[in-house]
Amino acid sequence: MELSAMSRRVHGPDHEETQKFTNSLQKCRRRIVSIHGPGQCLALRYEGRSNHCLLVRGPIIEPEHKRVTFKTKKYVPVLGTPVIIEGMQHPNIHLNGKVGEIHSWDKESHCFTVRFEDKSLYPCSIHKKKVRILFELPP
């Protein structure tokens, strides 16, 4: 984000480097999920009173994207998706609010291996119900 803003100030919005940084930033902000049936879709936000539904646009391969809402148990974030941990109990309560990214998925246990932004935390296996897609990075 900083490189994009700095390049825009120094070179202007139409400069080749500014465009490169802006395109990279847009790719990093995309949240892709895999849904059985439609395939890969672009996750837009959580919806509903309890945020148990995910609004998506997709499938990505079709030229006209439709907006559809899915229950959270029906999708799997793709590898590299930024996530935040919520609802952990003792002894892992210290992981609540920690930011990481999806490193792998175990279909049988319904657990993700999450690598954390805080390098003092080791990657660990976390149940899908405790992992939420992070749409905006916290300050």
Protein backbone atom coordinates (compact mmCIF):
# COMPACT_ATOMS: atom_id res chain seq x y z
CA MET A 1 0.00 0.00 0.00
CA GLU A 2 2.85 2.31 0.89
CA LEU A 3 4.68 1.68 -2.39
CA SER A 4 1.53 2.33 -4.38
CA ALA A 5 0.85 5.61 -2.58
CA MET A 6 4.48 6.74 -2.81
CA SER A 7 4.72 5.93 -6.51
CA ARG A 8 1.48 7.82 -7.16
CA ARG A 9 2.90 10.90 -5.38
CA VAL A 10 6.32 10.74 -7.05
CA HIS A 11 5.50 9.48 -10.56
CA GLY A 12 1.79 10.17 -10.95
CA PRO A 13 -1.16 7.82 -11.39
CA ASP A 14 -0.44 6.91 -15.03
CA HIS A 15 3.22 5.93 -14.58
CA GLU A 16 4.17 2.31 -15.37
CA GLU A 17 5.50 1.63 -11.85
CA THR A 18 2.43 3.15 -10.21
CA GLN A 19 0.20 0.93 -12.34
CA LYS A 20 2.28 -2.14 -11.42
CA PHE A 21 2.01 -1.43 -7.67
CA THR A 22 -1.71 -0.66 -7.94
CA ASN A 23 -2.39 -3.92 -9.81
CA SER A 24 -0.41 -5.91 -7.24
CA LEU A 25 -2.33 -4.26 -4.41
CA GLN A 26 -5.67 -5.13 -6.05
CA LYS A 27 -4.62 -8.78 -6.39
CA CYS A 28 -3.61 -8.89 -2.71
CA ARG A 29 -7.02 -7.57 -1.66
CA ARG A 30 -8.94 -10.30 -3.50
CA ARG A 31 -10.37 -13.06 -1.32
CA ILE A 32 -10.97 -16.23 -3.31
CA VAL A 33 -13.01 -19.14 -1.94
CA SER A 34 -13.69 -22.56 -3.38
CA ILE A 35 -17.32 -23.68 -3.31
CA HIS A 36 -18.50 -27.15 -4.25
CA GLY A 37 -20.54 -26.73 -7.41
CA PRO A 38 -19.82 -23.21 -8.71
CA GLY A 39 -16.03 -23.50 -8.24
CA GLN A 40 -13.88 -20.54 -7.26
CA CYS A 41 -15.67 -17.32 -6.37
CA LEU A 42 -14.65 -13.90 -5.13
CA ALA A 43 -15.63 -13.44 -1.46
CA LEU A 44 -17.07 -9.97 -0.83
CA ARG A 45 -18.10 -9.87 2.87
CA TYR A 46 -19.86 -11.68 5.67
CA GLU A 47 -23.60 -11.03 6.03
CA GLY A 48 -26.43 -11.66 8.42
CA ARG A 49 -26.96 -10.99 12.09
CA SER A 50 -24.39 -13.54 13.20
CA ASN A 51 -22.11 -13.23 10.15
CA HIS A 52 -22.60 -16.92 9.34
CA CYS A 53 -23.13 -16.28 5.63
CA LEU A 54 -20.64 -15.19 3.03
CA LEU A 55 -21.59 -13.03 0.06
CA VAL A 56 -19.63 -14.06 -3.02
CA ARG A 57 -19.47 -13.07 -6.66
CA GLY A 58 -18.73 -15.77 -9.14
CA PRO A 59 -17.79 -18.19 -10.37
CA ILE A 60 -14.67 -16.35 -11.43
CA ILE A 61 -14.37 -18.07 -14.81
CA GLU A 62 -17.71 -16.73 -16.07
CA PRO A 63 -17.76 -13.28 -17.68
CA GLU A 64 -20.90 -12.24 -15.80
CA HIS A 65 -20.49 -12.73 -12.06
CA LYS A 66 -23.60 -13.33 -10.01
CA ARG A 67 -23.81 -12.37 -6.33
CA VAL A 68 -24.78 -15.30 -4.16
CA THR A 69 -24.81 -15.88 -0.40
CA PHE A 70 -23.50 -19.17 1.02
CA LYS A 71 -23.49 -20.58 4.55
CA THR A 72 -19.95 -20.45 5.92
CA LYS A 73 -19.71 -24.24 6.12
CA LYS A 74 -20.12 -24.49 2.33
CA TYR A 75 -16.87 -22.79 1.28
CA VAL A 76 -13.12 -23.17 1.74
CA PRO A 77 -10.73 -20.19 1.43
CA VAL A 78 -7.89 -20.87 -1.02
CA LEU A 79 -4.29 -21.18 0.15
CA GLY A 80 -2.71 -17.85 1.07
CA THR A 81 -5.99 -16.22 2.14
CA PRO A 82 -5.53 -13.83 5.10
CA VAL A 83 -7.56 -14.90 8.12
CA ILE A 84 -8.21 -13.96 11.73
CA ILE A 85 -8.76 -16.48 14.52
CA GLU A 86 -11.93 -16.26 16.67
CA GLY A 87 -13.59 -18.36 19.34
CA MET A 88 -10.62 -20.39 20.58
CA GLN A 89 -10.89 -21.88 24.08
CA HIS A 90 -8.26 -22.76 26.69
CA PRO A 91 -5.40 -23.66 26.14
CA ASN A 92 -5.29 -21.78 22.80
CA ILE A 93 -7.26 -18.69 23.82
CA HIS A 94 -4.13 -16.57 23.13
CA LEU A 95 -4.68 -17.16 19.39
CA ASN A 96 -7.97 -15.18 19.33
CA GLY A 97 -7.53 -12.03 17.25
CA LYS A 98 -4.28 -13.23 15.69
CA VAL A 99 -3.82 -12.66 11.96
CA GLY A 100 -2.39 -15.31 9.68
CA GLU A 101 -2.82 -16.96 6.32
CA ILE A 102 -4.11 -20.34 5.17
CA HIS A 103 -1.19 -22.66 4.51
CA SER A 104 -3.00 -25.98 3.99
CA TRP A 105 -6.39 -27.68 4.35
CA ASP A 106 -7.17 -31.11 5.82
CA LYS A 107 -10.51 -32.17 4.37
CA GLU A 108 -11.01 -35.05 6.83
CA SER A 109 -10.57 -33.02 10.02
CA HIS A 110 -11.99 -29.76 8.56
CA CYS A 111 -8.90 -27.96 9.85
CA PHE A 112 -6.60 -25.40 8.28
CA THR A 113 -2.92 -25.07 9.00
CA VAL A 114 -2.52 -21.35 9.67
CA ARG A 115 0.80 -19.51 9.56
CA PHE A 116 0.69 -16.43 11.73
CA GLU A 117 1.81 -12.88 11.05
CA ASP A 118 3.43 -12.92 14.50
CA LYS A 119 6.54 -15.01 13.83
CA SER A 120 6.80 -15.96 17.52
CA LEU A 121 3.71 -18.18 16.97
CA TYR A 122 4.20 -21.55 15.35
CA PRO A 123 1.88 -22.62 12.52
CA CYS A 124 -0.94 -24.72 13.90
CA SER A 125 -4.02 -26.66 12.89
CA ILE A 126 -7.25 -24.76 13.53
CA HIS A 127 -10.81 -25.93 12.91
CA LYS A 128 -12.64 -24.19 10.09
CA LYS A 129 -15.26 -22.77 12.50
CA LYS A 130 -12.56 -20.74 14.27
CA VAL A 131 -11.10 -19.19 11.10
CA ARG A 132 -12.62 -16.08 9.47
CA ILE A 133 -11.57 -14.47 6.22
CA LEU A 134 -9.90 -11.15 6.90
CA PHE A 135 -11.24 -8.56 4.46
CA GLU A 136 -9.47 -5.52 5.93
CA LEU A 137 -6.24 -5.59 7.92
CA PRO A 138 -6.57 -4.24 11.45
CA PRO A 139 -4.59 -1.02 12.22
